Amino acid sequence: MRRTASKWGLVTALFALSSHAAAPVAKLITIGPAITQTVFALGAGDRVVGVDDSSAALPEVSRVRTVGYQRALSAEGVLSLGAGLLLGSAEAGPPPVLEQLKQAGMAVETFSNAPTVEGARARIQGIAERLGTPERGRALVAKLDQDLAKAAERAARVKGAKPPRILAIYARGAGTMMVAGSDTVADTLIRLTGAVNAADSLSGYKPLGAEAVVAAAPEFVLLPEGSVSAVGGAEGLAKLPGLSQVKGWKLVTVEDVDFMGLGPHLGQAVARVQDAVAPASVKGGGT
């Protein structure tokens, strides 16, 4: 009797295991570029069936459908993709739509978009836990810390020199130009390079004003790569009030996702800016 029970127990266990292995992988929708970048870096990109518009700049999602602007999602558009889980930044919304998704049976989880390194670490690990890959999350955080340590070492080597002044501008055309002050992703990115945010007297994003730009006296202007053509490149920027009065500044770019959110590739974005603004004697060193 014991042998029979044992046999049936083994059969039941094997059946449960095979059923689990055959279960379809849960489909994901990711909202927010840092969220999307993290999910792909964790190896779960094959589960992503939809992303928001701002994530579409990532080459990894070139064949993934978009579901609109992250703050103006449509419940119908999201649900049409058949995903069981939505991972988004705290900016995802509007709230009534997220509630509709939950009522329709979709799991929805949002993560803080705090523009700090600590926030980036917590976001990576939180997403990894939710996806059931905590070890990968810890490895990704360790790589981020390693990259940032190299950047800090590199910045320290020019500590005696006057740090470069960088003005970060968010632009989607000449009519929508915003300067990134403190408490922004761009501010954190700039500070990690060892440079100074030329608009750090401001908080958040503020309209580009001629007087403020002249007072900021930037040596470099930082733009998301996708915005360069929209403003006419360096030549177009040079015609804008304020920048037309500041002489000698140079244009520097980062990938759009790195301007909008602090993801697992933050260290690489910092190194890219350092390459562009560092003195020739330390270009490429320590990276």
C-alpha atoms as a PDB file:
ATOM      1  CA  MET A   1       0.000   0.000   0.000  1.00  0.00           C
ATOM      2  CA  ARG A   2       2.845   2.337   0.890  1.00  0.00           C
ATOM      3  CA  ARG A   3       4.576   1.538  -2.422  1.00  0.00           C
ATOM      4  CA  THR A   4       1.381   2.293  -4.369  1.00  0.00           C
ATOM      5  CA  ALA A   5       0.880   5.559  -2.513  1.00  0.00           C
ATOM      6  CA  SER A   6       4.502   6.429  -3.137  1.00  0.00           C
ATOM      7  CA  LYS A   7       4.103   5.658  -6.841  1.00  0.00           C
ATOM      8  CA  TRP A   8       1.009   7.860  -7.128  1.00  0.00           C
ATOM      9  CA  GLY A   9       2.779  10.620  -5.220  1.00  0.00           C
ATOM     10  CA  LEU A  10       5.646  10.546  -7.702  1.00  0.00           C
ATOM     11  CA  VAL A  11       3.263  10.587 -10.663  1.00  0.00           C
ATOM     12  CA  THR A  12       1.393  13.550  -9.174  1.00  0.00           C
ATOM     13  CA  ALA A  13       4.627  15.473  -8.601  1.00  0.00           C
ATOM     14  CA  LEU A  14       5.841  14.811 -12.136  1.00  0.00           C
ATOM     15  CA  PHE A  15       2.488  15.867 -13.564  1.00  0.00           C
ATOM     16  CA  ALA A  16       2.570  19.083 -11.569  1.00  0.00           C
ATOM     17  CA  LEU A  17       6.126  19.776 -12.709  1.00  0.00           C
ATOM     18  CA  SER A  18       5.334  19.149 -16.373  1.00  0.00           C
ATOM     19  CA  SER A  19       2.217  21.310 -16.139  1.00  0.00           C
ATOM     20  CA  HIS A  20       4.262  24.130 -14.622  1.00  0.00           C
ATOM     21  CA  ALA A  21       6.910  23.838 -17.344  1.00  0.00           C
ATOM     22  CA  ALA A  22       4.282  23.943 -20.069  1.00  0.00           C
ATOM     23  CA  ALA A  23       2.502  26.991 -18.614  1.00  0.00           C
ATOM     24  CA  PRO A  24       2.710  30.000 -20.914  1.00  0.00           C
ATOM     25  CA  VAL A  25       5.131  32.714 -19.864  1.00  0.00           C
ATOM     26  CA  ALA A  26       3.226  35.723 -18.528  1.00  0.00           C
ATOM     27  CA  LYS A  27       3.198  38.617 -20.986  1.00  0.00           C
ATOM     28  CA  LEU A  28       4.360  42.024 -19.776  1.00  0.00           C
ATOM     29  CA  ILE A  29       3.691  45.641 -20.564  1.00  0.00           C
ATOM     30  CA  THR A  30       6.347  48.089 -19.382  1.00  0.00           C
ATOM     31  CA  ILE A  31       5.703  51.788 -18.846  1.00  0.00           C
ATOM     32  CA  GLY A  32       8.619  54.195 -18.449  1.00  0.00           C
ATOM     33  CA  PRO A  33      12.017  53.963 -20.169  1.00  0.00           C
ATOM     34  CA  ALA A  34      13.957  53.039 -17.014  1.00  0.00           C
ATOM     35  CA  ILE A  35      11.440  50.269 -16.287  1.00  0.00           C
ATOM     36  CA  THR A  36      11.623  48.908 -19.831  1.00  0.00           C
ATOM     37  CA  GLN A  37      15.422  49.056 -19.937  1.00  0.00           C
ATOM     38  CA  THR A  38      15.611  47.213 -16.614  1.00  0.00           C
ATOM     39  CA  VAL A  39      13.247  44.433 -17.697  1.00  0.00           C
ATOM     40  CA  PHE A  40      15.324  43.798 -20.819  1.00  0.00           C
ATOM     41  CA  ALA A  41      18.584  43.935 -18.849  1.00  0.00           C
ATOM     42  CA  LEU A  42      17.142  41.297 -16.512  1.00  0.00           C
ATOM     43  CA  GLY A  43      16.607  38.970 -19.474  1.00  0.00           C
ATOM     44  CA  ALA A  44      12.810  39.225 -19.545  1.00  0.00           C
ATOM     45  CA  GLY A  45      12.554  41.189 -22.783  1.00  0.00           C
ATOM     46  CA  ASP A  46      10.975  38.263 -24.628  1.00  0.00           C
ATOM     47  CA  ARG A  47       7.943  38.625 -22.371  1.00  0.00           C
ATOM     48  CA  VAL A  48       7.329  42.278 -23.256  1.00  0.00           C
ATOM     49  CA  VAL A  49       4.423  42.797 -25.666  1.00  0.00           C
ATOM     50  CA  GLY A  50       3.840  46.516 -25.143  1.00  0.00           C
ATOM     51  CA  VAL A  51       5.706  49.652 -24.057  1.00  0.00           C
ATOM     52  CA  ASP A  52       4.944  53.350 -23.672  1.00  0.00           C
ATOM     53  CA  ASP A  53       5.999  55.943 -26.236  1.00  0.00           C
ATOM     54  CA  SER A  54       9.076  57.096 -24.308  1.00  0.00           C
ATOM     55  CA  SER A  55      10.419  53.542 -24.159  1.00  0.00           C
ATOM     56  CA  ALA A  56      10.164  53.220 -27.937  1.00  0.00           C
ATOM     57  CA  ALA A  57      13.561  54.909 -28.322  1.00  0.00           C
ATOM     58  CA  LEU A  58      15.235  51.756 -27.022  1.00  0.00           C
ATOM     59  CA  PRO A  59      16.529  49.597 -29.908  1.00  0.00           C
ATOM     60  CA  GLU A  60      15.449  46.455 -28.049  1.00  0.00           C
ATOM     61  CA  VAL A  61      11.774  47.343 -28.453  1.00  0.00           C
ATOM     62  CA  SER A  62      11.783  48.185 -32.154  1.00  0.00           C
ATOM     63  CA  ARG A  63       9.277  45.403 -32.857  1.00  0.00           C
ATOM     64  CA  VAL A  64       7.160  45.859 -29.737  1.00  0.00           C
ATOM     65  CA  ARG A  65       3.829  47.675 -29.917  1.00  0.00           C
ATOM     66  CA  THR A  66       3.397  50.994 -28.144  1.00  0.00           C
ATOM     67  CA  VAL A  67       0.439  51.817 -25.910  1.00  0.00           C
ATOM     68  CA  GLY A  68       0.736  55.609 -25.820  1.00  0.00           C
ATOM     69  CA  TYR A  69       2.116  58.265 -23.502  1.00  0.00           C
ATOM     70  CA  GLN A  70       2.814  56.924 -20.026  1.00  0.00           C
ATOM     71  CA  ARG A  71       0.617  59.507 -18.266  1.00  0.00           C
ATOM     72  CA  ALA A  72      -2.302  59.050 -20.680  1.00  0.00           C
ATOM     73  CA  LEU A  73      -2.755  55.306 -21.109  1.00  0.00           C
ATOM     74  CA  SER A  74      -5.924  53.732 -22.490  1.00  0.00           C
ATOM     75  CA  ALA A  75      -7.330  50.689 -20.703  1.00  0.00           C
ATOM     76  CA  GLU A  76      -8.657  49.306 -23.978  1.00  0.00           C
ATOM     77  CA  GLY A  77      -5.291  49.638 -25.729  1.00  0.00           C
ATOM     78  CA  VAL A  78      -3.393  48.003 -22.878  1.00  0.00           C
ATOM     79  CA  LEU A  79      -5.845  45.127 -22.402  1.00  0.00           C
ATOM     80  CA  SER A  80      -5.919  44.378 -26.141  1.00  0.00           C
ATOM     81  CA  LEU A  81      -2.363  43.024 -25.928  1.00  0.00           C
ATOM     82  CA  GLY A  82      -3.362  40.198 -23.589  1.00  0.00           C
ATOM     83  CA  ALA A  83      -0.671  40.851 -20.987  1.00  0.00           C
ATOM     84  CA  GLY A  84      -1.150  39.719 -17.410  1.00  0.00           C
ATOM     85  CA  LEU A  85       1.228  42.173 -15.762  1.00  0.00           C
ATOM     86  CA  LEU A  86       1.997  45.867 -16.154  1.00  0.00           C
ATOM     87  CA  LEU A  87       5.199  47.224 -14.647  1.00  0.00           C
ATOM     88  CA  GLY A  88       5.391  50.999 -14.678  1.00  0.00           C
ATOM     89  CA  SER A  89       6.981  54.051 -13.186  1.00  0.00           C
ATOM     90  CA  ALA A  90       5.064  56.063 -10.604  1.00  0.00           C
ATOM     91  CA  GLU A  91       4.207  58.449 -13.458  1.00  0.00           C
ATOM     92  CA  ALA A  92       2.097  55.824 -15.227  1.00  0.00           C
ATOM     93  CA  GLY A  93      -1.559  56.696 -15.430  1.00  0.00           C
ATOM     94  CA  PRO A  94      -4.023  58.192 -15.215  1.00  0.00           C
ATOM     95  CA  PRO A  95      -5.011  56.475 -11.926  1.00  0.00           C
ATOM     96  CA  PRO A  96      -8.568  55.625 -13.082  1.00  0.00           C
ATOM     97  CA  VAL A  97      -7.119  53.680 -16.014  1.00  0.00           C
ATOM     98  CA  LEU A  98      -4.779  51.716 -13.755  1.00  0.00           C
ATOM     99  CA  GLU A  99      -7.786  50.888 -11.582  1.00  0.00           C
ATOM    100  CA  GLN A 100      -9.686  49.708 -14.656  1.00  0.00           C
ATOM    101  CA  LEU A 101      -6.797  47.412 -15.544  1.00  0.00           C
ATOM    102  CA  LYS A 102      -6.816  45.910 -12.055  1.00  0.00           C
ATOM    103  CA  GLN A 103     -10.568  45.366 -12.174  1.00  0.00           C
ATOM    104  CA  ALA A 104     -10.097  43.585 -15.513  1.00  0.00           C
ATOM    105  CA  GLY A 105      -7.738  41.131 -13.822  1.00  0.00           C
ATOM    106  CA  MET A 106      -4.383  42.596 -14.805  1.00  0.00           C
ATOM    107  CA  ALA A 107      -1.684  42.841 -12.151  1.00  0.00           C
ATOM    108  CA  VAL A 108      -0.320  46.389 -11.979  1.00  0.00           C
ATOM    109  CA  GLU A 109       2.805  47.388 -10.092  1.00  0.00           C
ATOM    110  CA  THR A 110       4.496  50.771 -10.130  1.00  0.00           C
ATOM    111  CA  PHE A 111       7.943  51.810  -8.966  1.00  0.00           C
ATOM    112  CA  SER A 112       9.315  55.141  -7.814  1.00  0.00           C
ATOM    113  CA  ASN A 113      11.041  57.204 -10.473  1.00  0.00           C
ATOM    114  CA  ALA A 114      13.181  59.040  -7.909  1.00  0.00           C
ATOM    115  CA  PRO A 115      16.143  60.598  -9.791  1.00  0.00           C
ATOM    116  CA  THR A 116      18.778  59.211  -7.444  1.00  0.00           C
ATOM    117  CA  VAL A 117      21.273  56.357  -7.566  1.00  0.00           C
ATOM    118  CA  GLU A 118      19.607  54.858  -4.503  1.00  0.00           C
ATOM    119  CA  GLY A 119      16.289  55.000  -6.339  1.00  0.00           C
ATOM    120  CA  ALA A 120      17.809  53.262  -9.367  1.00  0.00           C
ATOM    121  CA  ARG A 121      19.182  50.451  -7.212  1.00  0.00           C
ATOM    122  CA  ALA A 122      15.862  49.937  -5.446  1.00  0.00           C
ATOM    123  CA  ARG A 123      13.959  50.002  -8.734  1.00  0.00           C
ATOM    124  CA  ILE A 124      16.206  47.388 -10.344  1.00  0.00           C
ATOM    125  CA  GLN A 125      15.980  45.065  -7.360  1.00  0.00           C
ATOM    126  CA  GLY A 126      12.232  45.584  -6.987  1.00  0.00           C
ATOM    127  CA  ILE A 127      11.576  44.701 -10.620  1.00  0.00           C
ATOM    128  CA  ALA A 128      13.869  41.688 -10.362  1.00  0.00           C
ATOM    129  CA  GLU A 129      11.968  40.444  -7.316  1.00  0.00           C
ATOM    130  CA  ARG A 130       8.646  40.884  -9.102  1.00  0.00           C
ATOM    131  CA  LEU A 131       9.924  38.909 -12.097  1.00  0.00           C
ATOM    132  CA  GLY A 132      11.299  36.157  -9.877  1.00  0.00           C
ATOM    133  CA  THR A 133      14.941  36.856 -10.779  1.00  0.00           C
ATOM    134  CA  PRO A 134      16.434  38.358  -7.585  1.00  0.00           C
ATOM    135  CA  GLU A 135      19.926  37.021  -8.342  1.00  0.00           C
ATOM    136  CA  ARG A 136      19.986  38.780 -11.694  1.00  0.00           C
ATOM    137  CA  GLY A 137      18.822  41.934  -9.963  1.00  0.00           C
ATOM    138  CA  ARG A 138      21.690  41.822  -7.489  1.00  0.00           C
ATOM    139  CA  ALA A 139      24.159  41.217 -10.312  1.00  0.00           C
ATOM    140  CA  LEU A 140      22.755  44.172 -12.263  1.00  0.00           C
ATOM    141  CA  VAL A 141      23.025  46.453  -9.223  1.00  0.00           C
ATOM    142  CA  ALA A 142      26.600  45.279  -8.646  1.00  0.00           C
ATOM    143  CA  LYS A 143      27.491  46.124 -12.274  1.00  0.00           C
ATOM    144  CA  LEU A 144      25.881  49.546 -11.911  1.00  0.00           C
ATOM    145  CA  ASP A 145      27.885  50.239  -8.762  1.00  0.00           C
ATOM    146  CA  GLN A 146      31.070  49.094 -10.494  1.00  0.00           C
ATOM    147  CA  ASP A 147      30.451  51.456 -13.426  1.00  0.00           C
ATOM    148  CA  LEU A 148      29.703  54.377 -11.119  1.00  0.00           C
ATOM    149  CA  ALA A 149      32.818  53.680  -9.039  1.00  0.00           C
ATOM    150  CA  LYS A 150      34.907  53.947 -12.219  1.00  0.00           C
ATOM    151  CA  ALA A 151      33.188  57.233 -13.076  1.00  0.00           C
ATOM    152  CA  ALA A 152      33.852  58.616  -9.584  1.00  0.00           C
ATOM    153  CA  GLU A 153      37.507  57.593  -9.796  1.00  0.00           C
ATOM    154  CA  ARG A 154      37.795  59.282 -13.149  1.00  0.00           C
ATOM    155  CA  ALA A 155      36.161  62.477 -11.847  1.00  0.00           C
ATOM    156  CA  ALA A 156      38.507  62.518  -8.860  1.00  0.00           C
ATOM    157  CA  ARG A 157      41.549  62.586 -11.140  1.00  0.00           C
ATOM    158  CA  VAL A 158      40.574  66.073 -12.332  1.00  0.00           C
ATOM    159  CA  LYS A 159      39.447  67.297  -8.909  1.00  0.00           C
ATOM    160  CA  GLY A 160      41.871  70.214  -8.934  1.00  0.00           C
ATOM    161  CA  ALA A 161      40.523  71.527 -12.224  1.00  0.00           C
ATOM    162  CA  LYS A 162      37.472  73.743 -12.529  1.00  0.00           C
ATOM    163  CA  PRO A 163      34.502  71.424 -13.176  1.00  0.00           C
ATOM    164  CA  PRO A 164      32.766  71.979 -16.500  1.00  0.00           C
ATOM    165  CA  ARG A 165      29.343  73.657 -16.475  1.00  0.00           C
ATOM    166  CA  ILE A 166      26.650  71.695 -18.294  1.00  0.00           C
ATOM    167  CA  LEU A 167      23.186  72.964 -19.190  1.00  0.00           C
ATOM    168  CA  ALA A 168      20.701  70.148 -19.806  1.00  0.00           C
ATOM    169  CA  ILE A 169      17.785  70.932 -22.103  1.00  0.00           C
ATOM    170  CA  TYR A 170      14.755  68.751 -22.731  1.00  0.00           C
ATOM    171  CA  ALA A 171      13.452  69.572 -26.189  1.00  0.00           C
ATOM    172  CA  ARG A 172      10.806  68.172 -28.489  1.00  0.00           C
ATOM    173  CA  GLY A 173      11.083  71.040 -30.926  1.00  0.00           C
ATOM    174  CA  ALA A 174      11.977  74.707 -30.771  1.00  0.00           C
ATOM    175  CA  GLY A 175       8.639  75.483 -29.113  1.00  0.00           C
ATOM    176  CA  THR A 176       9.005  73.074 -26.175  1.00  0.00           C
ATOM    177  CA  MET A 177      12.351  73.739 -24.553  1.00  0.00           C
ATOM    178  CA  MET A 178      12.831  73.043 -20.851  1.00  0.00           C
ATOM    179  CA  VAL A 179      15.925  73.455 -18.688  1.00  0.00           C
ATOM    180  CA  ALA A 180      16.692  70.664 -16.211  1.00  0.00           C
ATOM    181  CA  GLY A 181      17.376  72.033 -12.742  1.00  0.00           C
ATOM    182  CA  SER A 182      18.024  70.136  -9.521  1.00  0.00           C
ATOM    183  CA  ASP A 183      15.982  67.039  -8.595  1.00  0.00           C
ATOM    184  CA  THR A 184      15.955  65.792 -12.180  1.00  0.00           C
ATOM    185  CA  VAL A 185      17.486  62.797 -13.942  1.00  0.00           C
ATOM    186  CA  ALA A 186      19.775  65.088 -15.930  1.00  0.00           C
ATOM    187  CA  ASP A 187      20.995  66.778 -12.748  1.00  0.00           C
ATOM    188  CA  THR A 188      22.009  63.441 -11.228  1.00  0.00           C
ATOM    189  CA  LEU A 189      23.691  62.389 -14.465  1.00  0.00           C
ATOM    190  CA  ILE A 190      25.673  65.635 -14.625  1.00  0.00           C
ATOM    191  CA  ARG A 191      26.797  65.470 -10.996  1.00  0.00           C
ATOM    192  CA  LEU A 192      27.958  61.867 -11.365  1.00  0.00           C
ATOM    193  CA  THR A 193      30.329  62.972 -14.134  1.00  0.00           C
ATOM    194  CA  GLY A 194      31.997  65.430 -11.752  1.00  0.00           C
ATOM    195  CA  ALA A 195      30.581  68.405 -13.647  1.00  0.00           C
ATOM    196  CA  VAL A 196      28.258  71.182 -12.434  1.00  0.00           C
ATOM    197  CA  ASN A 197      24.653  71.573 -13.482  1.00  0.00           C
ATOM    198  CA  ALA A 198      24.617  75.135 -14.798  1.00  0.00           C
ATOM    199  CA  ALA A 199      20.924  75.392 -13.855  1.00  0.00           C
ATOM    200  CA  ASP A 200      21.158  73.940 -10.354  1.00  0.00           C
ATOM    201  CA  SER A 201      19.607  77.097  -8.885  1.00  0.00           C
ATOM    202  CA  LEU A 202      16.327  75.933 -10.437  1.00  0.00           C
ATOM    203  CA  SER A 203      14.244  72.988  -9.264  1.00  0.00           C
ATOM    204  CA  GLY A 204      12.729  70.515 -11.692  1.00  0.00           C
ATOM    205  CA  TYR A 205      12.118  71.466 -15.318  1.00  0.00           C
ATOM    206  CA  LYS A 206      11.607  75.125 -16.180  1.00  0.00           C
ATOM    207  CA  PRO A 207      10.995  76.917 -19.509  1.00  0.00           C
ATOM    208  CA  LEU A 208      14.157  77.956 -21.312  1.00  0.00           C
ATOM    209  CA  GLY A 209      14.673  81.683 -20.630  1.00  0.00           C
ATOM    210  CA  ALA A 210      17.332  83.875 -22.241  1.00  0.00           C
ATOM    211  CA  GLU A 211      18.404  85.594 -19.021  1.00  0.00           C
ATOM    212  CA  ALA A 212      18.686  82.348 -17.119  1.00  0.00           C
ATOM    213  CA  VAL A 213      20.790  80.775 -19.875  1.00  0.00           C
ATOM    214  CA  VAL A 214      23.195  83.727 -19.994  1.00  0.00           C
ATOM    215  CA  ALA A 215      23.518  83.662 -16.204  1.00  0.00           C
ATOM    216  CA  ALA A 216      24.154  79.907 -16.278  1.00  0.00           C
ATOM    217  CA  ALA A 217      27.120  80.450 -18.624  1.00  0.00           C
ATOM    218  CA  PRO A 218      27.260  76.832 -19.855  1.00  0.00           C
ATOM    219  CA  GLU A 219      30.345  75.356 -21.456  1.00  0.00           C
ATOM    220  CA  PHE A 220      28.362  72.357 -22.684  1.00  0.00           C
ATOM    221  CA  VAL A 221      24.711  71.821 -23.610  1.00  0.00           C
ATOM    222  CA  LEU A 222      23.333  68.351 -22.939  1.00  0.00           C
ATOM    223  CA  LEU A 223      20.435  67.038 -25.047  1.00  0.00           C
ATOM    224  CA  PRO A 224      18.690  63.693 -25.529  1.00  0.00           C
ATOM    225  CA  GLU A 225      19.983  62.236 -28.792  1.00  0.00           C
ATOM    226  CA  GLY A 226      16.486  62.086 -30.252  1.00  0.00           C
ATOM    227  CA  SER A 227      15.970  65.820 -29.770  1.00  0.00           C
ATOM    228  CA  VAL A 228      18.978  66.989 -31.774  1.00  0.00           C
ATOM    229  CA  SER A 229      17.300  66.978 -35.178  1.00  0.00           C
ATOM    230  CA  ALA A 230      14.118  68.501 -33.734  1.00  0.00           C
ATOM    231  CA  VAL A 231      16.003  71.646 -32.702  1.00  0.00           C
ATOM    232  CA  GLY A 232      18.182  71.832 -35.808  1.00  0.00           C
ATOM    233  CA  GLY A 233      21.341  70.509 -34.178  1.00  0.00           C
ATOM    234  CA  ALA A 234      23.998  72.750 -32.676  1.00  0.00           C
ATOM    235  CA  GLU A 235      23.311  75.371 -35.358  1.00  0.00           C
ATOM    236  CA  GLY A 236      19.646  75.529 -34.399  1.00  0.00           C
ATOM    237  CA  LEU A 237      20.445  75.772 -30.699  1.00  0.00           C
ATOM    238  CA  ALA A 238      22.913  78.579 -31.364  1.00  0.00           C
ATOM    239  CA  LYS A 239      20.077  80.716 -32.726  1.00  0.00           C
ATOM    240  CA  LEU A 240      17.977  80.440 -29.557  1.00  0.00           C
ATOM    241  CA  PRO A 241      17.723  83.405 -27.157  1.00  0.00           C
ATOM    242  CA  GLY A 242      20.333  83.035 -24.477  1.00  0.00           C
ATOM    243  CA  LEU A 243      22.419  80.386 -26.175  1.00  0.00           C
ATOM    244  CA  SER A 244      23.039  82.812 -29.033  1.00  0.00           C
ATOM    245  CA  GLN A 245      24.663  85.114 -26.481  1.00  0.00           C
ATOM    246  CA  VAL A 246      26.850  82.485 -24.826  1.00  0.00           C
ATOM    247  CA  LYS A 247      29.964  81.790 -26.846  1.00  0.00           C
ATOM    248  CA  GLY A 248      32.051  78.649 -27.116  1.00  0.00           C
ATOM    249  CA  TRP A 249      29.644  76.035 -25.740  1.00  0.00           C
ATOM    250  CA  LYS A 250      29.631  72.539 -27.222  1.00  0.00           C
ATOM    251  CA  LEU A 251      26.785  70.094 -27.765  1.00  0.00           C
ATOM    252  CA  VAL A 252      26.795  66.779 -25.858  1.00  0.00           C
ATOM    253  CA  THR A 253      24.187  64.029 -26.175  1.00  0.00           C
ATOM    254  CA  VAL A 254      23.017  60.933 -24.341  1.00  0.00           C
ATOM    255  CA  GLU A 255      20.469  58.331 -25.336  1.00  0.00           C
ATOM    256  CA  ASP A 256      16.897  59.477 -24.745  1.00  0.00           C
ATOM    257  CA  VAL A 257      16.232  56.811 -22.112  1.00  0.00           C
ATOM    258  CA  ASP A 258      19.219  57.977 -20.046  1.00  0.00           C
ATOM    259  CA  PHE A 259      17.925  61.544 -20.059  1.00  0.00           C
ATOM    260  CA  MET A 260      14.457  60.492 -18.891  1.00  0.00           C
ATOM    261  CA  GLY A 261      15.214  57.824 -16.300  1.00  0.00           C
ATOM    262  CA  LEU A 262      18.030  56.294 -14.287  1.00  0.00           C
ATOM    263  CA  GLY A 263      18.262  52.712 -15.468  1.00  0.00           C
ATOM    264  CA  PRO A 264      20.832  49.922 -15.237  1.00  0.00           C
ATOM    265  CA  HIS A 265      22.978  51.577 -17.943  1.00  0.00           C
ATOM    266  CA  LEU A 266      23.403  54.789 -15.950  1.00  0.00           C
ATOM    267  CA  GLY A 267      27.132  54.199 -15.521  1.00  0.00           C
ATOM    268  CA  GLN A 268      27.593  53.930 -19.275  1.00  0.00           C
ATOM    269  CA  ALA A 269      25.694  57.188 -19.798  1.00  0.00           C
ATOM    270  CA  VAL A 270      27.930  58.925 -17.248  1.00  0.00           C
ATOM    271  CA  ALA A 271      31.040  57.646 -19.047  1.00  0.00           C
ATOM    272  CA  ARG A 272      29.670  58.911 -22.367  1.00  0.00           C
ATOM    273  CA  VAL A 273      29.279  62.434 -20.980  1.00  0.00           C
ATOM    274  CA  GLN A 274      32.699  62.259 -19.334  1.00  0.00           C
ATOM    275  CA  ASP A 275      34.222  61.332 -22.681  1.00  0.00           C
ATOM    276  CA  ALA A 276      32.692  64.452 -24.182  1.00  0.00           C
ATOM    277  CA  VAL A 277      33.533  66.991 -21.476  1.00  0.00           C
ATOM    278  CA  ALA A 278      36.690  65.731 -19.763  1.00  0.00           C
ATOM    279  CA  PRO A 279      40.099  67.244 -20.465  1.00  0.00           C
ATOM    280  CA  ALA A 280      42.010  65.428 -23.197  1.00  0.00           C
ATOM    281  CA  SER A 281      44.468  64.060 -20.615  1.00  0.00           C
ATOM    282  CA  VAL A 282      41.801  61.897 -18.991  1.00  0.00           C
ATOM    283  CA  LYS A 283      39.496  61.076 -21.900  1.00  0.00           C
ATOM    284  CA  GLY A 284      38.628  57.389 -21.841  1.00  0.00           C
ATOM    285  CA  GLY A 285      40.709  56.788 -18.748  1.00  0.00           C
ATOM    286  CA  GLY A 286      39.482  54.497 -16.041  1.00  0.00           C
ATOM    287  CA  THR A 287      36.467  53.290 -17.957  1.00  0.00           C
END
